[in-house]
Amino acid sequence: MFVVIIVIVLVLNIFATGLIVSPLRADAVDQARGAAAQLRLPVVAGLVQFKLLLLLQIAANIGVFAVGLAALIEFFILLFVKRVYLVIESGSHLFTRVG
């Protein structure tokens, strides 16, 4: 997709600058150059939008990774706390006499 956009932009630039010698009449060439100039802006805007969306997707993935990492750290901390709690509880139950 990215390569196709680059090729389109290059072709539009070449055609708009007049590097292609055309057998068309001068007014047709001027019309084609005007059309190429008008098409250049939406193509560049689409490319910028594509880059921006890619950047936002990467930022969202980093955010999801950060939240997942924080949750994993919290899970291991709670696991350690639960182990300590069970050791204390089982120790107190061993020395408690019933009856």
N, C-alpha and C. Protein backbone atom coordinates (compact mmCIF):
# COMPACT_ATOMS: atom_id res chain seq x y z
N MET A 1 0.83 -1.18 0.00
CA MET A 1 0.00 0.00 0.00
C MET A 1 0.88 1.25 0.00
N PHE A 2 1.87 1.25 0.86
CA PHE A 2 2.77 2.39 0.97
C PHE A 2 3.53 2.61 -0.33
N VAL A 3 3.96 1.53 -0.96
CA VAL A 3 4.71 1.63 -2.22
C VAL A 3 3.82 2.19 -3.32
N VAL A 4 2.56 1.79 -3.33
CA VAL A 4 1.63 2.28 -4.35
C VAL A 4 1.44 3.79 -4.20
N ILE A 5 1.33 4.26 -2.98
CA ILE A 5 1.16 5.70 -2.75
C ILE A 5 2.39 6.45 -3.21
N ILE A 6 3.57 5.93 -2.91
CA ILE A 6 4.81 6.58 -3.35
C ILE A 6 4.89 6.65 -4.87
N VAL A 7 4.53 5.57 -5.54
CA VAL A 7 4.57 5.55 -7.01
C VAL A 7 3.59 6.57 -7.57
N ILE A 8 2.40 6.66 -6.99
CA ILE A 8 1.42 7.63 -7.48
C ILE A 8 1.94 9.05 -7.30
N VAL A 9 2.52 9.34 -6.15
CA VAL A 9 3.06 10.68 -5.90
C VAL A 9 4.19 11.00 -6.89
N LEU A 10 5.06 10.04 -7.14
CA LEU A 10 6.15 10.27 -8.10
C LEU A 10 5.63 10.52 -9.50
N VAL A 11 4.66 9.72 -9.93
CA VAL A 11 4.11 9.91 -11.28
C VAL A 11 3.42 11.27 -11.38
N LEU A 12 2.69 11.65 -10.34
CA LEU A 12 2.03 12.96 -10.37
C LEU A 12 3.05 14.09 -10.41
N ASN A 13 4.13 13.95 -9.67
CA ASN A 13 5.17 14.99 -9.68
C ASN A 13 5.85 15.08 -11.04
N ILE A 14 6.15 13.94 -11.63
CA ILE A 14 6.81 13.94 -12.95
C ILE A 14 5.88 14.56 -13.99
N PHE A 15 4.61 14.18 -13.93
CA PHE A 15 3.67 14.69 -14.91
C PHE A 15 3.41 16.18 -14.70
N ALA A 16 3.35 16.60 -13.44
CA ALA A 16 3.06 18.01 -13.14
C ALA A 16 4.24 18.91 -13.51
N THR A 17 5.45 18.40 -13.42
CA THR A 17 6.61 19.23 -13.76
C THR A 17 6.90 19.24 -15.25
N GLY A 18 6.26 18.39 -16.00
CA GLY A 18 6.42 18.40 -17.44
C GLY A 18 7.62 17.62 -17.94
N LEU A 19 8.10 16.69 -17.15
CA LEU A 19 9.24 15.88 -17.59
C LEU A 19 8.85 14.86 -18.65
N ILE A 20 7.58 14.55 -18.70
CA ILE A 20 7.10 13.61 -19.72
C ILE A 20 6.71 14.43 -20.96
N VAL A 21 7.29 14.10 -22.07
CA VAL A 21 6.96 14.78 -23.33
C VAL A 21 5.73 14.09 -23.90
N SER A 22 4.69 14.86 -24.03
CA SER A 22 3.42 14.28 -24.46
C SER A 22 3.07 14.75 -25.87
N PRO A 23 2.51 13.87 -26.65
CA PRO A 23 2.07 14.28 -27.99
C PRO A 23 0.76 15.05 -27.95
N LEU A 24 0.23 15.33 -26.76
CA LEU A 24 -1.04 16.04 -26.63
C LEU A 24 -0.84 17.52 -26.93
N ARG A 25 -1.91 18.19 -27.13
CA ARG A 25 -1.85 19.63 -27.34
C ARG A 25 -1.48 20.34 -26.06
N ALA A 26 -1.11 21.60 -26.17
CA ALA A 26 -0.63 22.36 -25.02
C ALA A 26 -1.73 22.55 -23.98
N ASP A 27 -2.97 22.79 -24.41
CA ASP A 27 -4.05 22.99 -23.44
C ASP A 27 -4.37 21.70 -22.71
N ALA A 28 -4.28 20.57 -23.40
CA ALA A 28 -4.52 19.28 -22.75
C ALA A 28 -3.42 18.99 -21.72
N VAL A 29 -2.19 19.36 -22.07
CA VAL A 29 -1.07 19.16 -21.13
C VAL A 29 -1.28 20.06 -19.91
N ASP A 30 -1.70 21.29 -20.13
CA ASP A 30 -1.95 22.19 -19.01
C ASP A 30 -3.09 21.68 -18.12
N GLN A 31 -4.13 21.12 -18.76
CA GLN A 31 -5.23 20.53 -18.00
C GLN A 31 -4.74 19.35 -17.18
N ALA A 32 -3.91 18.52 -17.78
CA ALA A 32 -3.39 17.35 -17.08
C ALA A 32 -2.49 17.78 -15.91
N ARG A 33 -1.70 18.81 -16.13
CA ARG A 33 -0.85 19.31 -15.04
C ARG A 33 -1.70 19.86 -13.90
N GLY A 34 -2.74 20.57 -14.26
CA GLY A 34 -3.65 21.10 -13.21
C GLY A 34 -4.32 19.98 -12.44
N ALA A 35 -4.75 18.94 -13.16
CA ALA A 35 -5.37 17.80 -12.48
C ALA A 35 -4.37 17.09 -11.59
N ALA A 36 -3.13 16.96 -12.07
CA ALA A 36 -2.10 16.30 -11.26
C ALA A 36 -1.81 17.12 -10.02
N ALA A 37 -1.79 18.44 -10.16
CA ALA A 37 -1.55 19.30 -9.00
C ALA A 37 -2.70 19.19 -8.00
N GLN A 38 -3.94 19.08 -8.51
CA GLN A 38 -5.09 18.93 -7.62
C GLN A 38 -5.09 17.57 -6.93
N LEU A 39 -4.60 16.54 -7.60
CA LEU A 39 -4.58 15.20 -7.00
C LEU A 39 -3.43 15.03 -6.01
N ARG A 40 -2.41 15.84 -6.14
CA ARG A 40 -1.24 15.69 -5.28
C ARG A 40 -1.60 15.92 -3.81
N LEU A 41 -2.42 16.93 -3.53
CA LEU A 41 -2.78 17.25 -2.16
C LEU A 41 -3.53 16.11 -1.47
N PRO A 42 -4.57 15.52 -2.07
CA PRO A 42 -5.24 14.41 -1.39
C PRO A 42 -4.32 13.19 -1.20
N VAL A 43 -3.43 12.95 -2.13
CA VAL A 43 -2.52 11.80 -1.98
C VAL A 43 -1.57 12.04 -0.82
N VAL A 44 -1.04 13.23 -0.72
CA VAL A 44 -0.13 13.56 0.39
C VAL A 44 -0.91 13.54 1.70
N ALA A 45 -2.14 14.06 1.70
CA ALA A 45 -2.96 14.06 2.92
C ALA A 45 -3.27 12.62 3.35
N GLY A 46 -3.54 11.75 2.38
CA GLY A 46 -3.77 10.34 2.71
C GLY A 46 -2.54 9.68 3.28
N LEU A 47 -1.39 10.02 2.74
CA LEU A 47 -0.13 9.48 3.26
C LEU A 47 0.12 9.95 4.68
N VAL A 48 -0.13 11.23 4.95
CA VAL A 48 0.03 11.76 6.30
C VAL A 48 -0.95 11.09 7.26
N GLN A 49 -2.18 10.90 6.80
CA GLN A 49 -3.19 10.25 7.64
C GLN A 49 -2.77 8.81 7.93
N PHE A 50 -2.24 8.11 6.95
CA PHE A 50 -1.77 6.74 7.15
C PHE A 50 -0.65 6.70 8.18
N LYS A 51 0.30 7.63 8.07
CA LYS A 51 1.41 7.68 9.03
C LYS A 51 0.89 8.01 10.42
N LEU A 52 -0.07 8.94 10.52
CA LEU A 52 -0.62 9.33 11.81
C LEU A 52 -1.36 8.16 12.45
N LEU A 53 -2.15 7.44 11.67
CA LEU A 53 -2.88 6.30 12.21
C LEU A 53 -1.91 5.21 12.67
N LEU A 54 -0.83 5.01 11.92
CA LEU A 54 0.17 4.03 12.32
C LEU A 54 0.82 4.44 13.64
N LEU A 55 1.13 5.73 13.77
CA LEU A 55 1.73 6.24 15.00
C LEU A 55 0.77 6.08 16.18
N LEU A 56 -0.52 6.38 15.98
CA LEU A 56 -1.50 6.22 17.05
C LEU A 56 -1.68 4.76 17.43
N GLN A 57 -1.62 3.87 16.46
CA GLN A 57 -1.74 2.44 16.74
C GLN A 57 -0.55 1.96 17.57
N ILE A 58 0.64 2.42 17.23
CA ILE A 58 1.83 2.05 18.00
C ILE A 58 1.71 2.59 19.42
N ALA A 59 1.25 3.83 19.56
CA ALA A 59 1.09 4.41 20.90
C ALA A 59 0.06 3.63 21.72
N ALA A 60 -1.03 3.21 21.08
CA ALA A 60 -2.05 2.43 21.78
C ALA A 60 -1.48 1.08 22.21
N ASN A 61 -0.69 0.44 21.34
CA ASN A 61 -0.09 -0.84 21.69
C ASN A 61 0.88 -0.70 22.85
N ILE A 62 1.63 0.39 22.88
CA ILE A 62 2.55 0.64 23.99
C ILE A 62 1.75 0.85 25.28
N GLY A 63 0.64 1.56 25.20
CA GLY A 63 -0.21 1.77 26.37
C GLY A 63 -0.79 0.47 26.89
N VAL A 64 -1.25 -0.39 25.99
CA VAL A 64 -1.78 -1.69 26.39
C VAL A 64 -0.69 -2.53 27.03
N PHE A 65 0.51 -2.49 26.48
CA PHE A 65 1.63 -3.24 27.04
C PHE A 65 1.96 -2.72 28.44
N ALA A 66 1.94 -1.40 28.63
CA ALA A 66 2.26 -0.82 29.93
C ALA A 66 1.22 -1.22 30.98
N VAL A 67 -0.06 -1.20 30.61
CA VAL A 67 -1.11 -1.60 31.54
C VAL A 67 -0.99 -3.08 31.87
N GLY A 68 -0.72 -3.89 30.86
CA GLY A 68 -0.55 -5.33 31.10
C GLY A 68 0.65 -5.61 31.99
N LEU A 69 1.73 -4.89 31.78
CA LEU A 69 2.93 -5.07 32.61
C LEU A 69 2.65 -4.66 34.05
N ALA A 70 1.94 -3.56 34.24
CA ALA A 70 1.59 -3.12 35.59
C ALA A 70 0.69 -4.14 36.28
N ALA A 71 -0.27 -4.70 35.55
CA ALA A 71 -1.15 -5.72 36.12
C ALA A 71 -0.36 -6.98 36.49
N LEU A 72 0.59 -7.34 35.67
CA LEU A 72 1.41 -8.52 35.96
C LEU A 72 2.26 -8.31 37.20
N ILE A 73 2.84 -7.13 37.33
CA ILE A 73 3.64 -6.81 38.53
C ILE A 73 2.75 -6.85 39.77
N GLU A 74 1.55 -6.27 39.66
CA GLU A 74 0.62 -6.29 40.79
C GLU A 74 0.22 -7.72 41.14
N PHE A 75 0.02 -8.56 40.15
CA PHE A 75 -0.33 -9.96 40.39
C PHE A 75 0.77 -10.66 41.19
N PHE A 76 2.03 -10.46 40.81
CA PHE A 76 3.12 -11.12 41.53
C PHE A 76 3.28 -10.56 42.95
N ILE A 77 3.05 -9.28 43.12
CA ILE A 77 3.11 -8.70 44.47
C ILE A 77 2.00 -9.29 45.34
N LEU A 78 0.78 -9.37 44.80
CA LEU A 78 -0.32 -9.95 45.56
C LEU A 78 -0.10 -11.44 45.83
N LEU A 79 0.52 -12.13 44.91
CA LEU A 79 0.84 -13.54 45.12
C LEU A 79 1.81 -13.70 46.29
N PHE A 80 2.82 -12.83 46.35
CA PHE A 80 3.78 -12.86 47.45
C PHE A 80 3.10 -12.53 48.77
N VAL A 81 2.23 -11.51 48.78
CA VAL A 81 1.51 -11.13 50.00
C VAL A 81 0.62 -12.28 50.46
N LYS A 82 -0.04 -12.93 49.52
CA LYS A 82 -0.92 -14.06 49.87
C LYS A 82 -0.11 -15.21 50.47
N ARG A 83 1.06 -15.47 49.94
CA ARG A 83 1.92 -16.52 50.51
C ARG A 83 2.32 -16.19 51.94
N VAL A 84 2.73 -14.96 52.17
CA VAL A 84 3.11 -14.55 53.53
C VAL A 84 1.91 -14.68 54.46
N TYR A 85 0.76 -14.26 54.01
CA TYR A 85 -0.46 -14.36 54.82
C TYR A 85 -0.76 -15.82 55.15
N LEU A 86 -0.65 -16.71 54.18
CA LEU A 86 -0.93 -18.14 54.44
C LEU A 86 0.08 -18.74 55.41
N VAL A 87 1.34 -18.32 55.31
CA VAL A 87 2.35 -18.82 56.25
C VAL A 87 2.02 -18.36 57.66
N ILE A 88 1.63 -17.12 57.82
CA ILE A 88 1.28 -16.60 59.14
C ILE A 88 0.03 -17.30 59.67
N GLU A 89 -0.97 -17.46 58.82
CA GLU A 89 -2.21 -18.11 59.25
C GLU A 89 -1.97 -19.57 59.62
N SER A 90 -1.23 -20.29 58.81
CA SER A 90 -0.99 -21.71 59.11
C SER A 90 -0.13 -21.85 60.36
N GLY A 91 0.81 -20.93 60.58
CA GLY A 91 1.62 -20.96 61.79
C GLY A 91 0.78 -20.71 63.03
N SER A 92 -0.16 -19.79 62.93
CA SER A 92 -1.01 -19.52 64.08
C SER A 92 -1.98 -20.67 64.34
N HIS A 93 -2.40 -21.39 63.32
CA HIS A 93 -3.29 -22.53 63.49
C HIS A 93 -2.56 -23.72 64.09
N LEU A 94 -1.28 -23.86 63.84
CA LEU A 94 -0.52 -24.99 64.39
C LEU A 94 -0.37 -24.89 65.90
N PHE A 95 -0.25 -23.70 66.40
CA PHE A 95 -0.02 -23.53 67.84
C PHE A 95 -1.31 -23.19 68.61
N THR A 96 -2.43 -23.21 67.96
CA THR A 96 -3.70 -22.94 68.64
C THR A 96 -4.30 -24.26 69.06
N ARG A 97 -4.70 -24.35 70.33
CA ARG A 97 -5.32 -25.57 70.84
C ARG A 97 -6.83 -25.40 70.81
N VAL A 98 -7.46 -26.39 70.32
CA VAL A 98 -8.93 -26.37 70.31
C VAL A 98 -9.40 -27.29 71.41
N GLY A 99 -10.26 -26.81 72.27
CA GLY A 99 -10.89 -27.68 73.24
C GLY A 99 -10.36 -27.56 74.56
